[in-house]
């Protein structure tokens, strides 16, 4: 059986798993096997602007900057991190963070991502795409020790059955980040997430609570 796994990028960054010849009519790239991003400090969503951002866009803004998870932040001008993924027979996931503030020592951080998947053949035997789903990878957690945290896992390990044999699968990635299990009432990380009362959290709640998110910094 032909096996190819790809990571693709467009308006959204993403990855694709290719297993066996195409079963439907979909246009996919020849190769897209890698994803890599740096991590920046997550900030709270601006809901009540009180100023405007500099530059030509001058978009509404909230002052001052507030971290999305004040219990877990980078040391200023010290901390940093990256997340990367590589596809072969499985989709490997790695994240490394350092320079995390002492207030987060001993806390657990888990990888989360909003993902839209598309397949060659679904229940109706036609190509299909999913709605956006937040994946909280339960096996992709690490404990902050001496300001460092490192995750090394794969989709098949973290979510057995997520990669369907015989399906050419494309993952488009939206937001990617690291979520503290104590944030937003989370006591553990599961596929759909839950608060302290065991009630599911919406994707937006999990994303808003992510301590660190994929992004860039202009010095």
N, C-alpha and C. Protein backbone atom coordinates (compact mmCIF):
# COMPACT_ATOMS: atom_id res chain seq x y z
N UNK A 1 0.85 -1.20 0.00
CA UNK A 1 0.00 0.00 0.00
C UNK A 1 0.89 1.25 0.00
N UNK A 2 0.58 2.18 -0.83
CA UNK A 2 1.33 3.43 -0.90
C UNK A 2 1.00 4.27 0.33
N UNK A 3 2.05 4.77 0.99
CA UNK A 3 1.83 5.60 2.16
C UNK A 3 2.57 6.91 1.98
N UNK A 4 1.81 8.00 2.05
CA UNK A 4 2.42 9.33 2.03
C UNK A 4 1.68 10.20 3.02
N UNK A 5 2.41 10.94 3.83
CA UNK A 5 1.81 11.87 4.76
C UNK A 5 2.33 13.25 4.45
N UNK A 6 1.42 14.21 4.35
CA UNK A 6 1.80 15.56 3.95
C UNK A 6 1.32 16.58 4.96
N UNK A 7 2.03 17.69 5.04
CA UNK A 7 1.58 18.86 5.78
C UNK A 7 1.44 19.99 4.78
N UNK A 8 0.27 20.62 4.74
CA UNK A 8 0.01 21.63 3.72
C UNK A 8 -0.19 22.99 4.36
N UNK A 9 0.05 24.04 3.58
CA UNK A 9 -0.17 25.39 4.06
C UNK A 9 -0.85 26.23 3.00
N UNK A 10 -1.75 27.10 3.44
CA UNK A 10 -2.41 28.01 2.53
C UNK A 10 -2.82 29.20 3.36
N UNK A 11 -4.12 29.56 3.29
CA UNK A 11 -4.61 30.59 4.17
C UNK A 11 -4.47 30.12 5.61
N UNK A 12 -4.60 28.79 5.81
CA UNK A 12 -4.34 28.16 7.10
C UNK A 12 -3.16 27.22 6.94
N UNK A 13 -2.36 27.10 8.00
CA UNK A 13 -1.31 26.10 7.98
C UNK A 13 -1.94 24.75 8.26
N UNK A 14 -1.33 23.68 7.74
CA UNK A 14 -1.97 22.40 7.99
C UNK A 14 -1.09 21.24 7.64
N UNK A 15 -1.67 20.05 7.78
CA UNK A 15 -0.95 18.83 7.47
C UNK A 15 -1.92 17.85 6.84
N UNK A 16 -1.36 16.92 6.08
CA UNK A 16 -2.22 15.95 5.43
C UNK A 16 -1.60 14.57 5.49
N UNK A 17 -2.43 13.60 5.74
CA UNK A 17 -2.01 12.21 5.77
C UNK A 17 -2.48 11.55 4.49
N UNK A 18 -1.53 10.95 3.74
CA UNK A 18 -1.87 10.27 2.51
C UNK A 18 -1.64 8.79 2.70
N UNK A 19 -2.68 8.00 2.67
CA UNK A 19 -2.55 6.56 2.78
C UNK A 19 -3.36 5.93 1.67
N UNK A 20 -2.70 5.29 0.72
CA UNK A 20 -3.30 4.63 -0.45
C UNK A 20 -3.67 5.63 -1.53
N UNK A 21 -3.94 5.17 -2.75
CA UNK A 21 -4.31 6.05 -3.85
C UNK A 21 -5.59 6.81 -3.55
N UNK A 22 -5.77 7.95 -4.22
CA UNK A 22 -6.93 8.80 -3.99
C UNK A 22 -8.22 8.06 -4.28
N UNK A 23 -9.22 8.26 -3.37
CA UNK A 23 -10.52 7.63 -3.53
C UNK A 23 -11.55 8.62 -4.04
N UNK A 24 -11.23 9.87 -4.13
CA UNK A 24 -12.18 10.88 -4.58
C UNK A 24 -11.45 11.96 -5.35
N UNK A 25 -12.20 12.94 -5.81
CA UNK A 25 -11.61 14.02 -6.60
C UNK A 25 -11.36 15.21 -5.68
N UNK A 26 -10.11 15.37 -5.25
CA UNK A 26 -9.70 16.52 -4.45
C UNK A 26 -8.35 16.98 -4.92
N UNK A 27 -8.14 18.27 -4.94
CA UNK A 27 -6.85 18.82 -5.32
C UNK A 27 -6.00 19.00 -4.08
N UNK A 28 -4.85 18.33 -4.03
CA UNK A 28 -3.94 18.44 -2.90
C UNK A 28 -2.54 18.72 -3.42
N UNK A 29 -1.66 19.27 -2.59
CA UNK A 29 -0.30 19.55 -3.04
C UNK A 29 0.51 18.27 -3.20
N UNK A 30 1.59 18.37 -3.94
CA UNK A 30 2.45 17.20 -4.13
C UNK A 30 3.12 16.80 -2.81
N UNK A 31 3.51 17.78 -2.02
CA UNK A 31 4.21 17.49 -0.77
C UNK A 31 3.89 18.57 0.25
N UNK A 32 3.64 18.16 1.48
CA UNK A 32 3.43 19.10 2.58
C UNK A 32 3.64 18.35 3.88
N UNK A 33 4.89 17.99 4.18
CA UNK A 33 5.16 17.08 5.28
C UNK A 33 5.69 17.69 6.55
N UNK A 34 5.73 19.03 6.66
CA UNK A 34 6.30 19.64 7.86
C UNK A 34 5.48 20.85 8.31
N UNK A 35 5.47 21.04 9.61
CA UNK A 35 4.87 22.24 10.20
C UNK A 35 5.78 22.68 11.34
N UNK A 36 6.08 23.97 11.42
CA UNK A 36 6.90 24.50 12.50
C UNK A 36 6.51 25.93 12.80
N UNK A 37 6.46 26.26 14.08
CA UNK A 37 6.10 27.63 14.47
C UNK A 37 6.75 27.96 15.81
N UNK A 38 7.05 29.23 16.02
CA UNK A 38 7.52 29.69 17.32
C UNK A 38 6.31 29.96 18.21
N UNK A 39 6.55 29.98 19.52
CA UNK A 39 5.47 30.22 20.48
C UNK A 39 5.65 31.60 21.11
N UNK A 40 4.56 32.31 21.23
CA UNK A 40 4.56 33.62 21.88
C UNK A 40 3.59 33.57 23.06
N UNK A 41 3.64 34.61 23.89
CA UNK A 41 2.75 34.66 25.04
C UNK A 41 1.30 34.88 24.58
N UNK A 42 0.39 34.01 25.01
CA UNK A 42 -1.02 34.20 24.69
C UNK A 42 -1.56 35.44 25.41
N UNK A 43 -2.39 36.21 24.75
CA UNK A 43 -2.97 37.40 25.37
C UNK A 43 -4.49 37.31 25.33
N UNK A 44 -5.10 37.94 26.31
CA UNK A 44 -6.56 37.91 26.43
C UNK A 44 -7.22 38.61 25.24
N UNK A 45 -8.39 38.12 24.86
CA UNK A 45 -9.14 38.71 23.76
C UNK A 45 -9.60 40.12 24.13
N UNK A 46 -9.46 41.06 23.21
CA UNK A 46 -9.90 42.44 23.43
C UNK A 46 -11.40 42.54 23.15
N UNK A 47 -12.18 42.80 24.17
CA UNK A 47 -13.65 42.87 24.01
C UNK A 47 -14.19 44.28 24.21
N UNK A 48 -13.44 45.15 24.88
CA UNK A 48 -13.90 46.52 25.13
C UNK A 48 -12.71 47.46 24.89
N UNK A 49 -12.54 47.89 23.66
CA UNK A 49 -11.38 48.70 23.29
C UNK A 49 -11.40 50.06 23.99
N UNK A 50 -10.18 50.54 24.35
CA UNK A 50 -10.06 51.85 24.97
C UNK A 50 -8.95 52.69 24.34
N UNK A 51 -8.40 52.18 23.19
CA UNK A 51 -7.37 52.91 22.47
C UNK A 51 -7.30 52.36 21.05
N UNK A 52 -6.32 52.79 20.29
CA UNK A 52 -6.13 52.27 18.93
C UNK A 52 -4.67 51.86 18.76
N UNK A 53 -4.44 50.85 17.93
CA UNK A 53 -3.09 50.36 17.67
C UNK A 53 -2.34 51.33 16.76
N UNK A 54 -1.00 51.38 16.84
CA UNK A 54 -0.23 52.27 15.96
C UNK A 54 -0.18 51.74 14.54
N UNK A 55 0.24 52.59 13.63
CA UNK A 55 0.39 52.16 12.25
C UNK A 55 -0.82 52.50 11.41
N UNK A 56 -0.75 52.12 10.14
CA UNK A 56 -1.77 52.51 9.17
C UNK A 56 -3.12 51.87 9.44
N UNK A 57 -3.12 50.67 10.06
CA UNK A 57 -4.39 49.99 10.32
C UNK A 57 -5.17 50.66 11.44
N UNK A 58 -4.45 51.10 12.48
CA UNK A 58 -5.08 51.80 13.61
C UNK A 58 -6.34 51.09 14.10
N UNK A 59 -6.23 49.80 14.30
CA UNK A 59 -7.39 49.02 14.72
C UNK A 59 -7.70 49.26 16.20
N UNK A 60 -8.96 49.09 16.61
CA UNK A 60 -9.32 49.24 18.02
C UNK A 60 -8.49 48.29 18.88
N UNK A 61 -8.10 48.72 20.07
CA UNK A 61 -7.23 47.92 20.93
C UNK A 61 -7.60 48.11 22.39
N UNK A 62 -7.13 47.17 23.21
CA UNK A 62 -7.35 47.24 24.65
C UNK A 62 -6.02 47.45 25.36
N UNK A 63 -5.98 48.36 26.31
CA UNK A 63 -4.76 48.65 27.06
C UNK A 63 -5.06 48.51 28.55
N UNK A 64 -4.14 47.88 29.30
CA UNK A 64 -2.86 47.32 28.89
C UNK A 64 -3.01 45.89 28.36
N UNK A 65 -1.87 45.32 27.91
CA UNK A 65 -1.88 43.92 27.47
C UNK A 65 -2.06 43.02 28.70
N UNK A 66 -2.99 42.06 28.59
CA UNK A 66 -3.26 41.12 29.68
C UNK A 66 -3.04 39.70 29.15
N UNK A 67 -2.22 38.89 29.82
CA UNK A 67 -2.00 37.51 29.35
C UNK A 67 -3.28 36.69 29.46
N UNK A 68 -3.46 35.74 28.54
CA UNK A 68 -4.65 34.90 28.58
C UNK A 68 -4.64 33.98 29.79
N UNK A 69 -3.46 33.64 30.30
CA UNK A 69 -3.32 32.82 31.49
C UNK A 69 -2.23 33.43 32.35
N UNK A 70 -2.62 34.26 33.31
CA UNK A 70 -1.64 34.97 34.14
C UNK A 70 -0.84 34.02 35.01
N UNK A 71 -1.29 32.78 35.17
CA UNK A 71 -0.58 31.82 35.99
C UNK A 71 0.57 31.14 35.29
N UNK A 72 0.73 31.42 33.99
CA UNK A 72 1.79 30.75 33.23
C UNK A 72 2.28 31.69 32.12
N UNK A 73 3.42 32.33 32.35
CA UNK A 73 3.93 33.30 31.38
C UNK A 73 5.42 33.09 31.16
N UNK A 74 5.92 33.62 30.04
CA UNK A 74 7.35 33.63 29.78
C UNK A 74 8.02 34.70 30.65
N UNK A 75 9.28 34.46 31.04
CA UNK A 75 10.07 35.54 31.62
C UNK A 75 10.36 36.54 30.50
N UNK A 76 10.21 37.80 30.79
CA UNK A 76 10.35 38.83 29.76
C UNK A 76 11.75 38.82 29.16
N UNK A 77 11.79 38.76 27.82
CA UNK A 77 13.04 38.77 27.07
C UNK A 77 13.96 37.59 27.40
N UNK A 78 13.39 36.53 27.96
CA UNK A 78 14.16 35.33 28.30
C UNK A 78 13.51 34.09 27.72
N UNK A 79 12.21 33.95 27.95
CA UNK A 79 11.50 32.74 27.55
C UNK A 79 11.25 32.64 26.06
N UNK A 80 10.89 31.43 25.65
CA UNK A 80 10.57 31.19 24.25
C UNK A 80 10.25 29.73 24.02
N UNK A 81 9.83 29.42 22.82
CA UNK A 81 9.51 28.02 22.53
C UNK A 81 9.13 27.83 21.08
N UNK A 82 8.97 26.58 20.71
CA UNK A 82 8.54 26.26 19.36
C UNK A 82 7.74 24.97 19.37
N UNK A 83 6.93 24.82 18.36
CA UNK A 83 6.16 23.59 18.16
C UNK A 83 6.38 23.16 16.72
N UNK A 84 6.55 21.86 16.51
CA UNK A 84 6.76 21.39 15.15
C UNK A 84 6.16 20.01 14.98
N UNK A 85 5.90 19.67 13.73
CA UNK A 85 5.31 18.38 13.41
C UNK A 85 5.87 17.88 12.10
N UNK A 86 6.05 16.56 12.03
CA UNK A 86 6.56 15.96 10.80
C UNK A 86 5.76 14.69 10.53
N UNK A 87 5.39 14.51 9.27
CA UNK A 87 4.53 13.39 8.90
C UNK A 87 5.28 12.34 8.10
N UNK A 88 5.07 11.08 8.52
CA UNK A 88 5.58 9.95 7.77
C UNK A 88 4.49 8.89 7.80
N UNK A 89 4.67 7.82 8.60
CA UNK A 89 3.58 6.86 8.78
C UNK A 89 2.61 7.32 9.86
N UNK A 90 3.05 8.30 10.63
CA UNK A 90 2.26 8.90 11.69
C UNK A 90 2.57 10.39 11.67
N UNK A 91 1.89 11.18 12.48
CA UNK A 91 2.17 12.61 12.56
C UNK A 91 2.83 12.88 13.91
N UNK A 92 4.14 13.10 13.89
CA UNK A 92 4.88 13.38 15.12
C UNK A 92 4.62 14.81 15.57
N UNK A 93 4.51 15.00 16.87
CA UNK A 93 4.25 16.32 17.45
C UNK A 93 5.30 16.58 18.53
N UNK A 94 5.99 17.73 18.42
CA UNK A 94 6.98 18.11 19.42
C UNK A 94 6.79 19.56 19.82
N UNK A 95 7.01 19.84 21.08
CA UNK A 95 6.97 21.22 21.57
C UNK A 95 8.05 21.39 22.63
N UNK A 96 8.78 22.49 22.57
CA UNK A 96 9.81 22.80 23.55
C UNK A 96 9.61 24.23 24.03
N UNK A 97 9.61 24.42 25.33
CA UNK A 97 9.50 25.75 25.92
C UNK A 97 10.58 25.90 26.98
N UNK A 98 11.09 27.11 27.13
CA UNK A 98 12.07 27.41 28.16
C UNK A 98 11.86 28.83 28.64
N UNK A 99 12.46 29.16 29.77
CA UNK A 99 12.31 30.51 30.30
C UNK A 99 10.91 30.80 30.76
N UNK A 100 10.21 29.79 31.27
CA UNK A 100 8.85 29.99 31.79
C UNK A 100 8.97 30.51 33.22
N UNK A 101 8.16 31.49 33.57
CA UNK A 101 8.21 32.13 34.88
C UNK A 101 8.01 31.12 36.01
N UNK A 102 8.64 31.40 37.15
CA UNK A 102 8.58 30.50 38.30
C UNK A 102 7.16 30.25 38.79
N UNK A 103 6.24 31.16 38.51
CA UNK A 103 4.86 30.98 38.93
C UNK A 103 4.17 29.81 38.26
N UNK A 104 4.76 29.30 37.18
CA UNK A 104 4.18 28.17 36.44
C UNK A 104 4.90 26.86 36.75
N UNK A 105 5.88 26.91 37.65
CA UNK A 105 6.65 25.72 37.99
C UNK A 105 5.74 24.61 38.53
N UNK A 106 5.91 23.41 37.99
CA UNK A 106 5.12 22.27 38.44
C UNK A 106 3.78 22.14 37.75
N UNK A 107 3.41 23.11 36.92
CA UNK A 107 2.13 23.05 36.20
C UNK A 107 2.26 22.15 34.98
N UNK A 108 1.12 21.68 34.49
CA UNK A 108 1.08 20.81 33.31
C UNK A 108 0.59 21.59 32.11
N UNK A 109 1.33 21.52 31.01
CA UNK A 109 0.97 22.17 29.75
C UNK A 109 0.69 21.10 28.70
N UNK A 110 -0.39 21.28 27.93
CA UNK A 110 -0.76 20.30 26.91
C UNK A 110 -0.98 21.00 25.57
N UNK A 111 -0.59 20.32 24.50
CA UNK A 111 -0.74 20.88 23.16
C UNK A 111 -2.21 20.88 22.74
N UNK A 112 -2.66 21.99 22.15
CA UNK A 112 -4.01 22.10 21.61
C UNK A 112 -3.94 22.72 20.22
N UNK A 113 -4.88 22.37 19.37
CA UNK A 113 -4.93 22.93 18.02
C UNK A 113 -6.35 22.88 17.49
N UNK A 114 -6.75 23.92 16.76
CA UNK A 114 -8.02 23.88 16.05
C UNK A 114 -7.74 23.34 14.65
N UNK A 115 -8.48 22.30 14.26
CA UNK A 115 -8.18 21.57 13.04
C UNK A 115 -9.44 21.36 12.20
N UNK A 116 -9.31 21.57 10.91
CA UNK A 116 -10.34 21.19 9.94
C UNK A 116 -9.77 20.07 9.08
N UNK A 117 -10.48 18.97 8.99
CA UNK A 117 -10.00 17.81 8.23
C UNK A 117 -10.80 17.63 6.95
N UNK A 118 -10.16 17.11 5.92
CA UNK A 118 -10.88 16.74 4.70
C UNK A 118 -10.43 15.36 4.26
N UNK A 119 -11.37 14.61 3.67
CA UNK A 119 -11.13 13.21 3.32
C UNK A 119 -11.61 12.93 1.90
N UNK A 120 -11.08 11.87 1.32
CA UNK A 120 -11.49 11.48 -0.03
C UNK A 120 -12.83 10.78 -0.04
N UNK A 121 -13.13 10.01 1.01
CA UNK A 121 -14.36 9.22 1.01
C UNK A 121 -14.94 9.15 2.41
N UNK A 122 -16.15 9.71 2.57
CA UNK A 122 -16.82 9.71 3.87
C UNK A 122 -18.02 8.77 3.84
N UNK A 123 -18.95 8.92 4.79
CA UNK A 123 -20.07 7.99 4.90
C UNK A 123 -20.91 7.93 3.63
N UNK A 124 -20.95 9.04 2.89
CA UNK A 124 -21.74 9.06 1.64
C UNK A 124 -20.89 8.70 0.42
N UNK A 125 -19.66 8.19 0.66
CA UNK A 125 -18.69 7.79 -0.37
C UNK A 125 -18.16 8.98 -1.18
N UNK A 126 -18.48 10.20 -0.77
CA UNK A 126 -17.99 11.40 -1.45
C UNK A 126 -16.90 12.05 -0.61
N UNK A 127 -16.17 12.98 -1.22
CA UNK A 127 -15.21 13.75 -0.45
C UNK A 127 -15.96 14.59 0.57
N UNK A 128 -15.30 14.92 1.68
CA UNK A 128 -15.97 15.73 2.70
C UNK A 128 -14.94 16.50 3.50
N UNK A 129 -15.40 17.51 4.20
CA UNK A 129 -14.55 18.29 5.11
C UNK A 129 -15.32 18.47 6.41
N UNK A 130 -14.61 18.50 7.51
CA UNK A 130 -15.24 18.62 8.81
C UNK A 130 -15.40 20.09 9.20
N UNK A 131 -16.22 20.33 10.20
CA UNK A 131 -16.23 21.64 10.84
C UNK A 131 -14.96 21.74 11.67
N UNK A 132 -14.62 22.94 12.11
CA UNK A 132 -13.41 23.12 12.90
C UNK A 132 -13.55 22.44 14.25
N UNK A 133 -12.55 21.64 14.61
CA UNK A 133 -12.57 20.89 15.86
C UNK A 133 -11.32 21.24 16.66
N UNK A 134 -11.49 21.42 17.97
CA UNK A 134 -10.33 21.64 18.83
C UNK A 134 -9.82 20.31 19.33
N UNK A 135 -8.57 20.01 19.03
CA UNK A 135 -7.93 18.79 19.53
C UNK A 135 -7.07 19.14 20.74
N UNK A 136 -7.38 18.53 21.86
CA UNK A 136 -6.56 18.65 23.05
C UNK A 136 -5.90 17.29 23.23
N UNK A 137 -4.63 17.19 22.93
CA UNK A 137 -3.95 15.90 22.89
C UNK A 137 -3.54 15.47 24.30
N UNK A 138 -4.29 14.51 24.84
CA UNK A 138 -4.07 14.09 26.22
C UNK A 138 -2.69 13.55 26.49
N UNK A 139 -2.05 12.93 25.48
CA UNK A 139 -0.71 12.37 25.68
C UNK A 139 0.37 13.37 25.31
N UNK A 140 0.00 14.61 25.08
CA UNK A 140 0.97 15.61 24.66
C UNK A 140 1.20 16.65 25.75
N UNK A 141 1.25 16.21 26.99
CA UNK A 141 1.42 17.13 28.11
C UNK A 141 2.82 17.00 28.71
N UNK A 142 3.28 18.07 29.33
CA UNK A 142 4.56 18.06 30.03
C UNK A 142 4.42 18.88 31.30
N UNK A 143 5.29 18.62 32.25
CA UNK A 143 5.29 19.35 33.51
C UNK A 143 6.43 20.37 33.50
N UNK A 144 6.13 21.60 33.85
CA UNK A 144 7.14 22.65 33.87
C UNK A 144 8.13 22.38 34.99
N UNK A 145 9.41 22.20 34.63
CA UNK A 145 10.48 21.91 35.58
C UNK A 145 11.66 22.81 35.28
N UNK A 146 12.08 23.57 36.27
CA UNK A 146 13.19 24.53 36.07
C UNK A 146 12.92 25.45 34.88
N UNK A 147 11.66 25.83 34.73
CA UNK A 147 11.29 26.76 33.68
C UNK A 147 11.22 26.17 32.30
N UNK A 148 11.32 24.83 32.20
CA UNK A 148 11.30 24.18 30.89
C UNK A 148 10.16 23.18 30.80
N UNK A 149 9.74 22.91 29.57
CA UNK A 149 8.67 21.94 29.34
C UNK A 149 8.84 21.40 27.92
N UNK A 150 8.80 20.07 27.78
CA UNK A 150 9.01 19.48 26.46
C UNK A 150 8.01 18.35 26.22
N UNK A 151 7.41 18.37 25.03
CA UNK A 151 6.44 17.36 24.62
C UNK A 151 6.98 16.63 23.39
N UNK A 152 6.84 15.31 23.38
CA UNK A 152 7.22 14.53 22.21
C UNK A 152 6.25 13.35 22.12
N UNK A 153 5.36 13.39 21.13
CA UNK A 153 4.35 12.35 20.97
C UNK A 153 3.95 12.28 19.50
N UNK A 154 2.84 11.63 19.21
CA UNK A 154 2.32 11.56 17.84
C UNK A 154 0.80 11.48 17.91
N UNK A 155 0.17 11.73 16.77
CA UNK A 155 -1.29 11.68 16.73
C UNK A 155 -1.80 10.29 17.08
N UNK A 156 -1.18 9.26 16.55
CA UNK A 156 -1.63 7.89 16.82
C UNK A 156 -1.49 7.51 18.28
N UNK A 157 -0.47 8.07 18.95
CA UNK A 157 -0.29 7.79 20.38
C UNK A 157 -1.28 8.59 21.21
N UNK A 158 -1.42 9.88 20.89
CA UNK A 158 -2.28 10.76 21.68
C UNK A 158 -3.76 10.50 21.43
N UNK A 159 -4.11 10.19 20.19
CA UNK A 159 -5.52 9.97 19.82
C UNK A 159 -5.62 8.73 18.95
N UNK A 160 -5.55 7.54 19.54
CA UNK A 160 -5.65 6.32 18.75
C UNK A 160 -6.93 6.29 17.92
N UNK A 161 -6.79 5.99 16.63
CA UNK A 161 -7.95 5.94 15.75
C UNK A 161 -8.23 7.24 15.03
N UNK A 162 -7.50 8.31 15.36
CA UNK A 162 -7.73 9.60 14.70
C UNK A 162 -7.32 9.57 13.23
N UNK A 163 -6.26 8.79 12.92
CA UNK A 163 -5.82 8.65 11.54
C UNK A 163 -6.44 7.37 10.97
N UNK A 164 -7.29 7.55 9.96
CA UNK A 164 -8.06 6.43 9.42
C UNK A 164 -7.27 5.72 8.33
N UNK A 165 -6.97 4.43 8.49
CA UNK A 165 -6.25 3.68 7.45
C UNK A 165 -7.01 3.71 6.13
N UNK A 166 -6.27 3.84 5.03
CA UNK A 166 -6.90 3.85 3.72
C UNK A 166 -7.50 5.17 3.31
N UNK A 167 -7.34 6.20 4.16
CA UNK A 167 -7.90 7.51 3.85
C UNK A 167 -6.79 8.52 3.58
N UNK A 168 -6.94 9.26 2.51
CA UNK A 168 -6.05 10.39 2.25
C UNK A 168 -6.63 11.57 3.03
N UNK A 169 -5.94 11.97 4.08
CA UNK A 169 -6.46 12.93 5.04
C UNK A 169 -5.64 14.20 5.04
N UNK A 170 -6.31 15.33 5.01
CA UNK A 170 -5.65 16.63 5.05
C UNK A 170 -6.11 17.38 6.29
N UNK A 171 -5.15 17.83 7.12
CA UNK A 171 -5.45 18.64 8.30
C UNK A 171 -5.06 20.08 8.03
N UNK A 172 -6.01 21.00 8.13
CA UNK A 172 -5.71 22.43 8.07
C UNK A 172 -5.70 22.96 9.49
N UNK A 173 -4.59 23.55 9.89
CA UNK A 173 -4.43 24.03 11.26
C UNK A 173 -4.80 25.49 11.39
N UNK A 174 -5.61 25.79 12.41
CA UNK A 174 -5.92 27.17 12.76
C UNK A 174 -4.98 27.60 13.87
N UNK A 175 -5.55 27.81 15.07
CA UNK A 175 -4.74 28.20 16.21
C UNK A 175 -4.04 26.99 16.81
N UNK A 176 -2.79 27.16 17.19
CA UNK A 176 -1.99 26.12 17.82
C UNK A 176 -1.37 26.71 19.08
N UNK A 177 -1.38 25.96 20.17
CA UNK A 177 -0.81 26.51 21.40
C UNK A 177 -0.62 25.47 22.48
N UNK A 178 -0.23 25.95 23.66
CA UNK A 178 -0.05 25.11 24.84
C UNK A 178 -0.98 25.61 25.92
N UNK A 179 -1.81 24.72 26.44
CA UNK A 179 -2.84 25.07 27.42
C UNK A 179 -2.49 24.47 28.78
N UNK A 180 -2.56 25.27 29.83
CA UNK A 180 -2.32 24.77 31.18
C UNK A 180 -3.58 24.06 31.66
N UNK A 181 -3.42 22.90 32.27
CA UNK A 181 -4.60 22.13 32.67
C UNK A 181 -5.40 22.83 33.76
N UNK A 182 -4.78 23.75 34.48
CA UNK A 182 -5.53 24.49 35.50
C UNK A 182 -6.27 25.68 34.93
N UNK A 183 -6.04 26.02 33.66
CA UNK A 183 -6.67 27.19 33.07
C UNK A 183 -8.12 26.90 32.69
N UNK A 184 -8.96 27.91 32.76
CA UNK A 184 -10.36 27.82 32.35
C UNK A 184 -11.09 26.68 33.07
N UNK A 185 -10.67 26.37 34.29
CA UNK A 185 -11.34 25.34 35.06
C UNK A 185 -10.97 23.93 34.65
N UNK A 186 -9.98 23.76 33.79
CA UNK A 186 -9.60 22.42 33.35
C UNK A 186 -8.84 21.69 34.45
N UNK A 187 -9.24 20.47 34.73
CA UNK A 187 -8.49 19.64 35.66
C UNK A 187 -7.70 18.58 34.91
N UNK A 188 -8.19 18.16 33.77
CA UNK A 188 -7.47 17.24 32.89
C UNK A 188 -7.75 17.66 31.45
N UNK A 189 -6.90 17.21 30.54
CA UNK A 189 -7.09 17.48 29.13
C UNK A 189 -7.65 16.23 28.47
N UNK A 190 -8.77 16.34 27.80
CA UNK A 190 -9.34 15.22 27.05
C UNK A 190 -9.57 15.68 25.62
N UNK A 191 -10.15 14.79 24.81
CA UNK A 191 -10.38 15.13 23.41
C UNK A 191 -11.23 16.39 23.27
N UNK A 192 -12.34 16.46 24.05
CA UNK A 192 -13.24 17.61 23.90
C UNK A 192 -13.06 18.63 25.01
N UNK A 193 -12.21 18.32 26.00
CA UNK A 193 -11.99 19.26 27.10
C UNK A 193 -13.18 19.30 28.04
N UNK A 194 -12.96 19.66 29.29
CA UNK A 194 -14.04 19.76 30.25
C UNK A 194 -13.61 20.69 31.37
N UNK A 195 -14.59 21.36 31.99
CA UNK A 195 -14.25 22.21 33.12
C UNK A 195 -14.28 21.40 34.40
N UNK A 196 -14.14 22.06 35.54
CA UNK A 196 -14.06 21.34 36.80
C UNK A 196 -15.32 20.54 37.11
N UNK A 197 -16.44 20.92 36.51
CA UNK A 197 -17.70 20.21 36.73
C UNK A 197 -17.93 19.11 35.71
N UNK A 198 -16.95 18.87 34.85
CA UNK A 198 -17.09 17.83 33.86
C UNK A 198 -17.88 18.25 32.63
N UNK A 199 -18.21 19.54 32.52
CA UNK A 199 -18.98 20.01 31.37
C UNK A 199 -18.03 20.38 30.23
N UNK A 200 -18.40 20.04 28.98
CA UNK A 200 -17.51 20.35 27.85
C UNK A 200 -17.26 21.84 27.73
N UNK A 201 -16.03 22.18 27.35
CA UNK A 201 -15.68 23.57 27.07
C UNK A 201 -15.75 23.81 25.58
N UNK A 202 -16.22 24.96 25.19
CA UNK A 202 -16.29 25.28 23.78
C UNK A 202 -14.88 25.49 23.24
N UNK A 203 -14.68 25.29 21.91
CA UNK A 203 -13.35 25.51 21.34
C UNK A 203 -12.81 26.89 21.64
N UNK A 204 -13.66 27.92 21.57
CA UNK A 204 -13.19 29.28 21.80
C UNK A 204 -12.70 29.45 23.23
N UNK A 205 -13.34 28.76 24.19
CA UNK A 205 -12.90 28.85 25.58
C UNK A 205 -11.51 28.29 25.75
N UNK A 206 -11.23 27.15 25.13
CA UNK A 206 -9.92 26.54 25.25
C UNK A 206 -8.86 27.40 24.57
N UNK A 207 -9.19 27.91 23.39
CA UNK A 207 -8.19 28.71 22.68
C UNK A 207 -7.89 29.99 23.44
N UNK A 208 -8.91 30.63 24.00
CA UNK A 208 -8.70 31.88 24.73
C UNK A 208 -7.85 31.67 25.97
N UNK A 209 -7.89 30.44 26.52
CA UNK A 209 -7.16 30.17 27.76
C UNK A 209 -5.74 29.71 27.52
N UNK A 210 -5.35 29.43 26.27
CA UNK A 210 -4.00 28.92 25.98
C UNK A 210 -2.94 29.90 26.46
N UNK A 211 -2.00 29.39 27.27
CA UNK A 211 -0.95 30.25 27.82
C UNK A 211 0.02 30.71 26.74
N UNK A 212 0.35 29.81 25.81
CA UNK A 212 1.31 30.12 24.75
C UNK A 212 0.71 29.72 23.41
N UNK A 213 0.91 30.56 22.38
CA UNK A 213 0.31 30.32 21.07
C UNK A 213 1.35 30.50 19.97
N UNK A 214 1.12 29.80 18.86
CA UNK A 214 1.99 29.94 17.71
C UNK A 214 1.93 31.38 17.21
N UNK A 215 3.09 31.98 16.95
CA UNK A 215 3.11 33.36 16.51
C UNK A 215 4.51 33.82 16.19
N UNK A 216 4.66 35.12 15.99
CA UNK A 216 5.95 35.71 15.64
C UNK A 216 6.16 36.98 16.44
N UNK A 217 7.42 37.35 16.63
CA UNK A 217 7.79 38.58 17.32
C UNK A 217 8.71 39.40 16.43
N UNK A 218 8.34 40.64 16.17
CA UNK A 218 9.21 41.55 15.41
C UNK A 218 10.03 42.37 16.39
N UNK A 219 11.36 42.18 16.41
CA UNK A 219 12.21 42.88 17.40
C UNK A 219 12.28 44.37 17.11
